[in-house]
Amino acid sequence: MASDTKERILEAARELFARKGVQKTSLQEIADKLGITKPALYYHFASREDLLRSIVQPLIDAGQRFLEEQERAASVDARAVFEGYFDFHYAHRGDILILLYELGTLAELGLVEIVFAWRARIAVLLCGANPPLNQAVRVTVALGGIQDSTIEFQDAPADELRTAAVDAAMATLG
């Protein structure tokens, strides 16, 4: 029962954070949306920041697992890296939208640095530790394009979008 309430709180918070922003959403609004008291919400989450961390932590954990799998691979297949990167972003696009809208809040929580470090690690996988500027820019554009496509084209069929985004990333990488 408590787990169910906690999940309901997370879903309501996701919806309100995505629609209104983290800073403009009060814990009272979340409680009201669910028909629970604010103290009941505090039983599960000590603060709005705690609630936000609980929403974002699964994204962070999944991103970390994806990177570690790629780094353990015997060889790097750029297409497979881009496909996995797309799949990760597609699966978490709702929470990524919250991240994008709330960079200031997330920076305060220390989460923005994690996301930037992921991109740097993926770039090293794809083009080495010290690539020439033109190659570093290509990988940055390719990764950004994949991430942006999962948000920009939400109504596109996933398999078609994945193919288009990965093909574009491969072409950009050169």
N, C-alpha and C. Protein backbone atom coordinates (compact mmCIF):
# COMPACT_ATOMS: atom_id res chain seq x y z
N MET A 1 0.82 -1.19 0.00
CA MET A 1 0.00 0.00 0.00
C MET A 1 0.87 1.26 0.00
N ALA A 2 1.86 1.33 0.90
CA ALA A 2 2.73 2.49 0.96
C ALA A 2 3.51 2.64 -0.35
N SER A 3 3.93 1.51 -0.92
CA SER A 3 4.65 1.53 -2.19
C SER A 3 3.76 2.07 -3.31
N ASP A 4 2.48 1.67 -3.29
CA ASP A 4 1.53 2.15 -4.28
C ASP A 4 1.34 3.66 -4.16
N THR A 5 1.21 4.15 -2.93
CA THR A 5 1.07 5.59 -2.71
C THR A 5 2.31 6.32 -3.17
N LYS A 6 3.46 5.78 -2.88
CA LYS A 6 4.71 6.41 -3.31
C LYS A 6 4.77 6.49 -4.83
N GLU A 7 4.39 5.43 -5.52
CA GLU A 7 4.39 5.45 -6.99
C GLU A 7 3.38 6.44 -7.54
N ARG A 8 2.22 6.53 -6.91
CA ARG A 8 1.21 7.52 -7.33
C ARG A 8 1.74 8.93 -7.15
N ILE A 9 2.45 9.18 -6.06
CA ILE A 9 3.04 10.50 -5.82
C ILE A 9 4.06 10.81 -6.90
N LEU A 10 4.91 9.84 -7.21
CA LEU A 10 5.92 10.04 -8.25
C LEU A 10 5.28 10.37 -9.60
N GLU A 11 4.23 9.65 -9.96
CA GLU A 11 3.56 9.89 -11.24
C GLU A 11 2.90 11.27 -11.28
N ALA A 12 2.24 11.64 -10.19
CA ALA A 12 1.61 12.96 -10.13
C ALA A 12 2.66 14.06 -10.20
N ALA A 13 3.76 13.86 -9.50
CA ALA A 13 4.84 14.86 -9.52
C ALA A 13 5.45 14.96 -10.92
N ARG A 14 5.67 13.84 -11.56
CA ARG A 14 6.19 13.85 -12.94
C ARG A 14 5.31 14.70 -13.85
N GLU A 15 4.02 14.43 -13.76
CA GLU A 15 3.07 15.15 -14.62
C GLU A 15 3.10 16.65 -14.33
N LEU A 16 3.03 17.03 -13.07
CA LEU A 16 3.02 18.44 -12.71
C LEU A 16 4.36 19.11 -12.99
N PHE A 17 5.46 18.42 -12.69
CA PHE A 17 6.78 18.99 -12.96
C PHE A 17 6.97 19.24 -14.46
N ALA A 18 6.53 18.29 -15.27
CA ALA A 18 6.68 18.43 -16.72
C ALA A 18 5.80 19.57 -17.25
N ARG A 19 4.62 19.72 -16.68
CA ARG A 19 3.69 20.74 -17.16
C ARG A 19 4.00 22.13 -16.62
N LYS A 20 4.32 22.22 -15.33
CA LYS A 20 4.47 23.53 -14.69
C LYS A 20 5.91 23.87 -14.32
N GLY A 21 6.77 22.87 -14.23
CA GLY A 21 8.12 23.08 -13.74
C GLY A 21 8.23 22.69 -12.28
N VAL A 22 9.42 22.33 -11.88
CA VAL A 22 9.64 21.88 -10.50
C VAL A 22 9.41 23.02 -9.51
N GLN A 23 10.00 24.18 -9.79
CA GLN A 23 9.91 25.29 -8.86
C GLN A 23 8.50 25.86 -8.74
N LYS A 24 7.69 25.68 -9.76
CA LYS A 24 6.33 26.23 -9.74
C LYS A 24 5.29 25.22 -9.27
N THR A 25 5.75 24.04 -8.89
CA THR A 25 4.84 23.01 -8.40
C THR A 25 5.05 22.85 -6.90
N SER A 26 4.01 23.07 -6.14
CA SER A 26 4.12 22.90 -4.69
C SER A 26 3.79 21.47 -4.30
N LEU A 27 4.30 21.08 -3.15
CA LEU A 27 3.96 19.76 -2.64
C LEU A 27 2.47 19.68 -2.32
N GLN A 28 1.87 20.81 -1.94
CA GLN A 28 0.43 20.82 -1.68
C GLN A 28 -0.35 20.51 -2.96
N GLU A 29 0.10 21.04 -4.11
CA GLU A 29 -0.57 20.74 -5.38
C GLU A 29 -0.51 19.24 -5.69
N ILE A 30 0.64 18.65 -5.42
CA ILE A 30 0.79 17.21 -5.67
C ILE A 30 -0.16 16.43 -4.76
N ALA A 31 -0.18 16.80 -3.48
CA ALA A 31 -1.07 16.14 -2.53
C ALA A 31 -2.53 16.31 -2.95
N ASP A 32 -2.90 17.53 -3.34
CA ASP A 32 -4.28 17.79 -3.76
C ASP A 32 -4.66 16.95 -4.97
N LYS A 33 -3.75 16.84 -5.92
CA LYS A 33 -4.03 16.07 -7.13
C LYS A 33 -4.35 14.62 -6.78
N LEU A 34 -3.73 14.11 -5.74
CA LEU A 34 -3.92 12.71 -5.34
C LEU A 34 -4.99 12.52 -4.28
N GLY A 35 -5.48 13.64 -3.73
CA GLY A 35 -6.48 13.52 -2.67
C GLY A 35 -5.90 13.01 -1.37
N ILE A 36 -4.64 13.35 -1.11
CA ILE A 36 -4.00 12.97 0.15
C ILE A 36 -3.59 14.25 0.88
N THR A 37 -3.20 14.09 2.12
CA THR A 37 -2.76 15.26 2.89
C THR A 37 -1.27 15.52 2.62
N LYS A 38 -0.87 16.75 2.86
CA LYS A 38 0.54 17.08 2.71
C LYS A 38 1.41 16.26 3.68
N PRO A 39 0.98 16.06 4.93
CA PRO A 39 1.79 15.19 5.80
C PRO A 39 1.93 13.77 5.26
N ALA A 40 0.91 13.27 4.57
CA ALA A 40 1.02 11.93 3.96
C ALA A 40 2.08 11.93 2.88
N LEU A 41 2.16 13.02 2.13
CA LEU A 41 3.20 13.13 1.11
C LEU A 41 4.58 13.19 1.77
N TYR A 42 4.69 13.97 2.86
CA TYR A 42 5.97 14.07 3.58
C TYR A 42 6.39 12.74 4.19
N TYR A 43 5.45 11.85 4.45
CA TYR A 43 5.80 10.53 4.95
C TYR A 43 6.67 9.80 3.95
N HIS A 44 6.42 10.03 2.67
CA HIS A 44 7.15 9.34 1.60
C HIS A 44 8.35 10.13 1.08
N PHE A 45 8.25 11.46 1.09
CA PHE A 45 9.31 12.31 0.54
C PHE A 45 9.50 13.51 1.45
N ALA A 46 10.73 13.72 1.91
CA ALA A 46 11.02 14.77 2.87
C ALA A 46 10.92 16.17 2.28
N SER A 47 11.09 16.29 0.97
CA SER A 47 11.10 17.61 0.33
C SER A 47 10.84 17.46 -1.16
N ARG A 48 10.64 18.59 -1.82
CA ARG A 48 10.48 18.57 -3.27
C ARG A 48 11.75 18.05 -3.93
N GLU A 49 12.91 18.43 -3.38
CA GLU A 49 14.18 17.95 -3.93
C GLU A 49 14.32 16.44 -3.79
N ASP A 50 13.87 15.91 -2.66
CA ASP A 50 13.88 14.46 -2.45
C ASP A 50 12.98 13.76 -3.47
N LEU A 51 11.83 14.36 -3.72
CA LEU A 51 10.89 13.83 -4.71
C LEU A 51 11.52 13.88 -6.10
N LEU A 52 12.14 14.99 -6.45
CA LEU A 52 12.79 15.13 -7.75
C LEU A 52 13.92 14.11 -7.91
N ARG A 53 14.71 13.95 -6.88
CA ARG A 53 15.79 12.93 -6.93
C ARG A 53 15.21 11.54 -7.16
N SER A 54 14.09 11.24 -6.53
CA SER A 54 13.46 9.93 -6.69
C SER A 54 12.96 9.72 -8.12
N ILE A 55 12.57 10.79 -8.78
CA ILE A 55 12.14 10.70 -10.17
C ILE A 55 13.35 10.51 -11.07
N VAL A 56 14.40 11.24 -10.80
CA VAL A 56 15.56 11.27 -11.70
C VAL A 56 16.52 10.10 -11.45
N GLN A 57 16.56 9.55 -10.25
CA GLN A 57 17.53 8.51 -9.93
C GLN A 57 17.45 7.29 -10.83
N PRO A 58 16.26 6.77 -11.16
CA PRO A 58 16.22 5.64 -12.10
C PRO A 58 16.84 5.98 -13.46
N LEU A 59 16.66 7.20 -13.92
CA LEU A 59 17.29 7.66 -15.15
C LEU A 59 18.81 7.64 -15.01
N ILE A 60 19.30 8.15 -13.91
CA ILE A 60 20.74 8.16 -13.66
C ILE A 60 21.28 6.73 -13.59
N ASP A 61 20.59 5.87 -12.88
CA ASP A 61 21.02 4.47 -12.76
C ASP A 61 21.05 3.77 -14.12
N ALA A 62 20.00 3.98 -14.93
CA ALA A 62 19.94 3.35 -16.26
C ALA A 62 21.04 3.90 -17.16
N GLY A 63 21.28 5.19 -17.10
CA GLY A 63 22.35 5.79 -17.90
C GLY A 63 23.71 5.24 -17.51
N GLN A 64 23.92 5.08 -16.22
CA GLN A 64 25.19 4.54 -15.74
C GLN A 64 25.37 3.09 -16.21
N ARG A 65 24.31 2.29 -16.13
CA ARG A 65 24.39 0.90 -16.61
C ARG A 65 24.70 0.85 -18.10
N PHE A 66 24.03 1.69 -18.89
CA PHE A 66 24.28 1.74 -20.33
C PHE A 66 25.75 2.06 -20.61
N LEU A 67 26.28 3.07 -19.94
CA LEU A 67 27.67 3.46 -20.17
C LEU A 67 28.64 2.35 -19.77
N GLU A 68 28.40 1.75 -18.63
CA GLU A 68 29.30 0.69 -18.18
C GLU A 68 29.28 -0.50 -19.14
N GLU A 69 28.11 -0.84 -19.67
CA GLU A 69 28.02 -1.92 -20.66
C GLU A 69 28.83 -1.57 -21.91
N GLN A 70 28.71 -0.35 -22.38
CA GLN A 70 29.44 0.08 -23.57
C GLN A 70 30.94 0.08 -23.32
N GLU A 71 31.34 0.53 -22.15
CA GLU A 71 32.77 0.58 -21.82
C GLU A 71 33.37 -0.80 -21.62
N ARG A 72 32.56 -1.79 -21.23
CA ARG A 72 33.06 -3.16 -21.05
C ARG A 72 33.14 -3.93 -22.36
N ALA A 73 32.48 -3.45 -23.39
CA ALA A 73 32.46 -4.17 -24.67
C ALA A 73 33.87 -4.34 -25.20
N ALA A 74 34.12 -5.49 -25.80
CA ALA A 74 35.45 -5.79 -26.33
C ALA A 74 35.83 -4.82 -27.45
N SER A 75 34.86 -4.43 -28.25
CA SER A 75 35.12 -3.47 -29.31
C SER A 75 33.93 -2.51 -29.40
N VAL A 76 34.19 -1.35 -29.99
CA VAL A 76 33.16 -0.34 -30.09
C VAL A 76 32.52 -0.39 -31.47
N ASP A 77 31.22 -0.54 -31.50
CA ASP A 77 30.44 -0.49 -32.72
C ASP A 77 29.61 0.79 -32.62
N ALA A 78 29.98 1.81 -33.40
CA ALA A 78 29.33 3.12 -33.30
C ALA A 78 27.82 3.01 -33.46
N ARG A 79 27.36 2.22 -34.42
CA ARG A 79 25.91 2.07 -34.62
C ARG A 79 25.25 1.50 -33.36
N ALA A 80 25.85 0.50 -32.76
CA ALA A 80 25.28 -0.10 -31.55
C ALA A 80 25.27 0.91 -30.40
N VAL A 81 26.32 1.72 -30.29
CA VAL A 81 26.36 2.76 -29.25
C VAL A 81 25.23 3.75 -29.49
N PHE A 82 25.08 4.22 -30.73
CA PHE A 82 24.01 5.18 -31.04
C PHE A 82 22.63 4.56 -30.83
N GLU A 83 22.46 3.29 -31.18
CA GLU A 83 21.17 2.64 -30.97
C GLU A 83 20.85 2.55 -29.48
N GLY A 84 21.82 2.17 -28.70
CA GLY A 84 21.62 2.11 -27.25
C GLY A 84 21.35 3.48 -26.65
N TYR A 85 22.06 4.47 -27.15
CA TYR A 85 21.87 5.85 -26.69
C TYR A 85 20.45 6.31 -27.03
N PHE A 86 19.99 6.00 -28.23
CA PHE A 86 18.62 6.33 -28.62
C PHE A 86 17.63 5.62 -27.70
N ASP A 87 17.80 4.32 -27.52
CA ASP A 87 16.87 3.52 -26.71
C ASP A 87 16.77 4.08 -25.29
N PHE A 88 17.92 4.43 -24.72
CA PHE A 88 17.94 5.01 -23.37
C PHE A 88 17.13 6.31 -23.34
N HIS A 89 17.41 7.22 -24.28
CA HIS A 89 16.72 8.50 -24.28
C HIS A 89 15.23 8.36 -24.60
N TYR A 90 14.90 7.45 -25.48
CA TYR A 90 13.50 7.24 -25.83
C TYR A 90 12.72 6.71 -24.62
N ALA A 91 13.31 5.76 -23.93
CA ALA A 91 12.63 5.16 -22.78
C ALA A 91 12.43 6.17 -21.64
N HIS A 92 13.31 7.15 -21.55
CA HIS A 92 13.28 8.09 -20.43
C HIS A 92 12.95 9.52 -20.86
N ARG A 93 12.35 9.67 -22.04
CA ARG A 93 12.17 11.02 -22.57
C ARG A 93 11.32 11.93 -21.70
N GLY A 94 10.34 11.40 -21.00
CA GLY A 94 9.53 12.23 -20.10
C GLY A 94 10.35 12.82 -18.98
N ASP A 95 11.18 12.01 -18.36
CA ASP A 95 12.02 12.51 -17.27
C ASP A 95 13.14 13.40 -17.81
N ILE A 96 13.61 13.13 -19.02
CA ILE A 96 14.62 13.99 -19.63
C ILE A 96 14.05 15.37 -19.89
N LEU A 97 12.79 15.47 -20.26
CA LEU A 97 12.15 16.77 -20.43
C LEU A 97 12.18 17.57 -19.12
N ILE A 98 11.90 16.90 -18.03
CA ILE A 98 11.99 17.57 -16.73
C ILE A 98 13.41 18.07 -16.51
N LEU A 99 14.39 17.24 -16.82
CA LEU A 99 15.79 17.66 -16.69
C LEU A 99 16.09 18.91 -17.52
N LEU A 100 15.63 18.92 -18.74
CA LEU A 100 15.91 20.04 -19.62
C LEU A 100 15.25 21.33 -19.14
N TYR A 101 14.04 21.21 -18.65
CA TYR A 101 13.33 22.40 -18.17
C TYR A 101 13.85 22.89 -16.83
N GLU A 102 14.51 22.04 -16.09
CA GLU A 102 14.93 22.37 -14.74
C GLU A 102 16.44 22.27 -14.55
N LEU A 103 17.20 22.73 -15.51
CA LEU A 103 18.66 22.62 -15.40
C LEU A 103 19.20 23.29 -14.15
N GLY A 104 18.65 24.44 -13.78
CA GLY A 104 19.13 25.13 -12.58
C GLY A 104 18.91 24.31 -11.33
N THR A 105 17.72 23.78 -11.18
CA THR A 105 17.40 22.96 -10.02
C THR A 105 18.27 21.70 -10.00
N LEU A 106 18.42 21.10 -11.17
CA LEU A 106 19.20 19.87 -11.24
C LEU A 106 20.69 20.13 -11.02
N ALA A 107 21.16 21.30 -11.41
CA ALA A 107 22.56 21.66 -11.14
C ALA A 107 22.78 21.74 -9.64
N GLU A 108 21.81 22.31 -8.94
CA GLU A 108 21.92 22.40 -7.47
C GLU A 108 21.99 21.02 -6.84
N LEU A 109 21.33 20.06 -7.44
CA LEU A 109 21.33 18.69 -6.91
C LEU A 109 22.55 17.89 -7.39
N GLY A 110 23.39 18.49 -8.23
CA GLY A 110 24.59 17.82 -8.71
C GLY A 110 24.34 16.82 -9.83
N LEU A 111 23.19 16.90 -10.48
CA LEU A 111 22.85 15.91 -11.49
C LEU A 111 23.28 16.31 -12.90
N VAL A 112 23.41 17.59 -13.17
CA VAL A 112 23.80 18.05 -14.50
C VAL A 112 25.21 17.57 -14.84
N GLU A 113 26.09 17.63 -13.86
CA GLU A 113 27.47 17.18 -14.09
C GLU A 113 27.52 15.72 -14.51
N ILE A 114 26.65 14.92 -13.93
CA ILE A 114 26.60 13.50 -14.27
C ILE A 114 26.25 13.33 -15.75
N VAL A 115 25.24 14.06 -16.20
CA VAL A 115 24.78 13.94 -17.59
C VAL A 115 25.88 14.40 -18.55
N PHE A 116 26.54 15.50 -18.24
CA PHE A 116 27.63 15.98 -19.10
C PHE A 116 28.80 14.99 -19.12
N ALA A 117 29.07 14.37 -17.98
CA ALA A 117 30.14 13.37 -17.91
C ALA A 117 29.80 12.15 -18.77
N TRP A 118 28.53 11.77 -18.82
CA TRP A 118 28.12 10.65 -19.68
C TRP A 118 28.46 10.93 -21.13
N ARG A 119 28.12 12.12 -21.58
CA ARG A 119 28.39 12.46 -22.99
C ARG A 119 29.88 12.41 -23.27
N ALA A 120 30.67 12.89 -22.34
CA ALA A 120 32.13 12.87 -22.53
C ALA A 120 32.62 11.43 -22.62
N ARG A 121 32.09 10.55 -21.79
CA ARG A 121 32.51 9.14 -21.82
C ARG A 121 32.11 8.47 -23.13
N ILE A 122 30.91 8.79 -23.61
CA ILE A 122 30.47 8.22 -24.89
C ILE A 122 31.33 8.75 -26.03
N ALA A 123 31.65 10.02 -25.97
CA ALA A 123 32.51 10.61 -27.01
C ALA A 123 33.87 9.91 -27.05
N VAL A 124 34.42 9.60 -25.91
CA VAL A 124 35.71 8.88 -25.86
C VAL A 124 35.56 7.51 -26.51
N LEU A 125 34.45 6.83 -26.24
CA LEU A 125 34.21 5.53 -26.87
C LEU A 125 34.18 5.65 -28.39
N LEU A 126 33.53 6.70 -28.88
CA LEU A 126 33.30 6.83 -30.31
C LEU A 126 34.47 7.42 -31.09
N CYS A 127 35.25 8.29 -30.46
CA CYS A 127 36.33 8.92 -31.25
C CYS A 127 37.63 9.12 -30.47
N GLY A 128 37.78 8.40 -29.36
CA GLY A 128 39.04 8.45 -28.64
C GLY A 128 39.13 9.61 -27.65
N ALA A 129 40.22 9.60 -26.90
CA ALA A 129 40.37 10.56 -25.80
C ALA A 129 40.69 11.97 -26.25
N ASN A 130 41.44 12.14 -27.30
CA ASN A 130 41.83 13.47 -27.75
C ASN A 130 41.57 13.64 -29.25
N PRO A 131 40.32 13.62 -29.66
CA PRO A 131 40.02 13.71 -31.09
C PRO A 131 40.28 15.13 -31.60
N PRO A 132 40.51 15.26 -32.90
CA PRO A 132 40.60 16.60 -33.47
C PRO A 132 39.26 17.31 -33.28
N LEU A 133 39.28 18.62 -33.28
CA LEU A 133 38.07 19.40 -33.03
C LEU A 133 36.92 19.01 -33.95
N ASN A 134 37.20 18.83 -35.23
CA ASN A 134 36.10 18.51 -36.15
C ASN A 134 35.42 17.20 -35.77
N GLN A 135 36.16 16.21 -35.31
CA GLN A 135 35.56 14.93 -34.90
C GLN A 135 34.82 15.07 -33.57
N ALA A 136 35.38 15.85 -32.66
CA ALA A 136 34.70 16.08 -31.37
C ALA A 136 33.36 16.78 -31.59
N VAL A 137 33.34 17.73 -32.51
CA VAL A 137 32.09 18.43 -32.82
C VAL A 137 31.10 17.47 -33.47
N ARG A 138 31.57 16.62 -34.37
CA ARG A 138 30.67 15.66 -35.03
C ARG A 138 30.00 14.74 -34.01
N VAL A 139 30.76 14.22 -33.07
CA VAL A 139 30.17 13.30 -32.09
C VAL A 139 29.20 14.06 -31.18
N THR A 140 29.51 15.28 -30.83
CA THR A 140 28.61 16.09 -30.01
C THR A 140 27.30 16.35 -30.74
N VAL A 141 27.38 16.71 -32.02
CA VAL A 141 26.18 16.95 -32.82
C VAL A 141 25.38 15.65 -32.98
N ALA A 142 26.06 14.54 -33.20
CA ALA A 142 25.37 13.26 -33.37
C ALA A 142 24.62 12.88 -32.10
N LEU A 143 25.26 12.98 -30.95
CA LEU A 143 24.61 12.63 -29.69
C LEU A 143 23.47 13.58 -29.37
N GLY A 144 23.70 14.87 -29.57
CA GLY A 144 22.64 15.84 -29.32
C GLY A 144 21.46 15.63 -30.24
N GLY A 145 21.73 15.28 -31.49
CA GLY A 145 20.65 15.02 -32.44
C GLY A 145 19.81 13.83 -32.05
N ILE A 146 20.45 12.79 -31.57
CA ILE A 146 19.70 11.61 -31.12
C ILE A 146 18.82 11.98 -29.94
N GLN A 147 19.40 12.63 -28.96
CA GLN A 147 18.64 13.02 -27.77
C GLN A 147 17.48 13.93 -28.16
N ASP A 148 17.74 14.94 -28.97
CA ASP A 148 16.69 15.88 -29.35
C ASP A 148 15.58 15.21 -30.15
N SER A 149 15.94 14.24 -30.98
CA SER A 149 14.92 13.59 -31.81
C SER A 149 13.91 12.82 -30.96
N THR A 150 14.34 12.28 -29.83
CA THR A 150 13.41 11.53 -28.98
C THR A 150 12.38 12.44 -28.33
N ILE A 151 12.71 13.70 -28.22
CA ILE A 151 11.80 14.68 -27.62
C ILE A 151 10.99 15.40 -28.71
N GLU A 152 11.66 15.77 -29.77
CA GLU A 152 11.02 16.55 -30.84
C GLU A 152 9.96 15.75 -31.60
N PHE A 153 10.20 14.48 -31.81
CA PHE A 153 9.31 13.66 -32.65
C PHE A 153 8.60 12.58 -31.83
N GLN A 154 7.95 13.00 -30.76
CA GLN A 154 7.31 12.05 -29.85
C GLN A 154 6.18 11.25 -30.48
N ASP A 155 5.58 11.78 -31.54
CA ASP A 155 4.47 11.08 -32.17
C ASP A 155 4.91 10.12 -33.26
N ALA A 156 6.19 10.13 -33.62
CA ALA A 156 6.70 9.24 -34.66
C ALA A 156 6.78 7.82 -34.12
N PRO A 157 6.54 6.82 -34.96
CA PRO A 157 6.72 5.43 -34.52
C PRO A 157 8.17 5.21 -34.06
N ALA A 158 8.32 4.57 -32.93
CA ALA A 158 9.64 4.42 -32.30
C ALA A 158 10.67 3.78 -33.23
N ASP A 159 10.30 2.72 -33.93
CA ASP A 159 11.27 2.03 -34.78
C ASP A 159 11.72 2.90 -35.95
N GLU A 160 10.79 3.65 -36.54
CA GLU A 160 11.16 4.55 -37.64
C GLU A 160 12.04 5.68 -37.14
N LEU A 161 11.68 6.23 -35.99
CA LEU A 161 12.46 7.33 -35.42
C LEU A 161 13.86 6.85 -35.06
N ARG A 162 13.95 5.66 -34.49
CA ARG A 162 15.26 5.10 -34.11
C ARG A 162 16.15 4.97 -35.35
N THR A 163 15.61 4.40 -36.41
CA THR A 163 16.38 4.23 -37.64
C THR A 163 16.83 5.57 -38.20
N ALA A 164 15.90 6.52 -38.29
CA ALA A 164 16.24 7.84 -38.82
C ALA A 164 17.28 8.56 -37.97
N ALA A 165 17.13 8.50 -36.66
CA ALA A 165 18.05 9.19 -35.77
C ALA A 165 19.45 8.56 -35.80
N VAL A 166 19.49 7.24 -35.77
CA VAL A 166 20.79 6.55 -35.79
C VAL A 166 21.47 6.73 -37.14
N ASP A 167 20.72 6.64 -38.22
CA ASP A 167 21.32 6.88 -39.54
C ASP A 167 21.89 8.29 -39.64
N ALA A 168 21.15 9.26 -39.13
CA ALA A 168 21.63 10.65 -39.15
C ALA A 168 22.89 10.80 -38.30
N ALA A 169 22.91 10.15 -37.14
CA ALA A 169 24.09 10.22 -36.27
C ALA A 169 25.31 9.59 -36.95
N MET A 170 25.09 8.45 -37.60
CA MET A 170 26.19 7.79 -38.31
C MET A 170 26.73 8.68 -39.43
N ALA A 171 25.82 9.30 -40.17
CA ALA A 171 26.24 10.20 -41.26
C ALA A 171 27.00 11.39 -40.69
N THR A 172 26.54 11.91 -39.57
CA THR A 172 27.22 13.05 -38.95
C THR A 172 28.60 12.66 -38.45
N LEU A 173 28.71 11.50 -37.87
CA LEU A 173 30.00 11.05 -37.35
C LEU A 173 31.00 10.86 -38.49
N GLY A 174 30.49 10.44 -39.63
CA GLY A 174 31.34 10.35 -40.82
C GLY A 174 31.97 9.01 -41.03
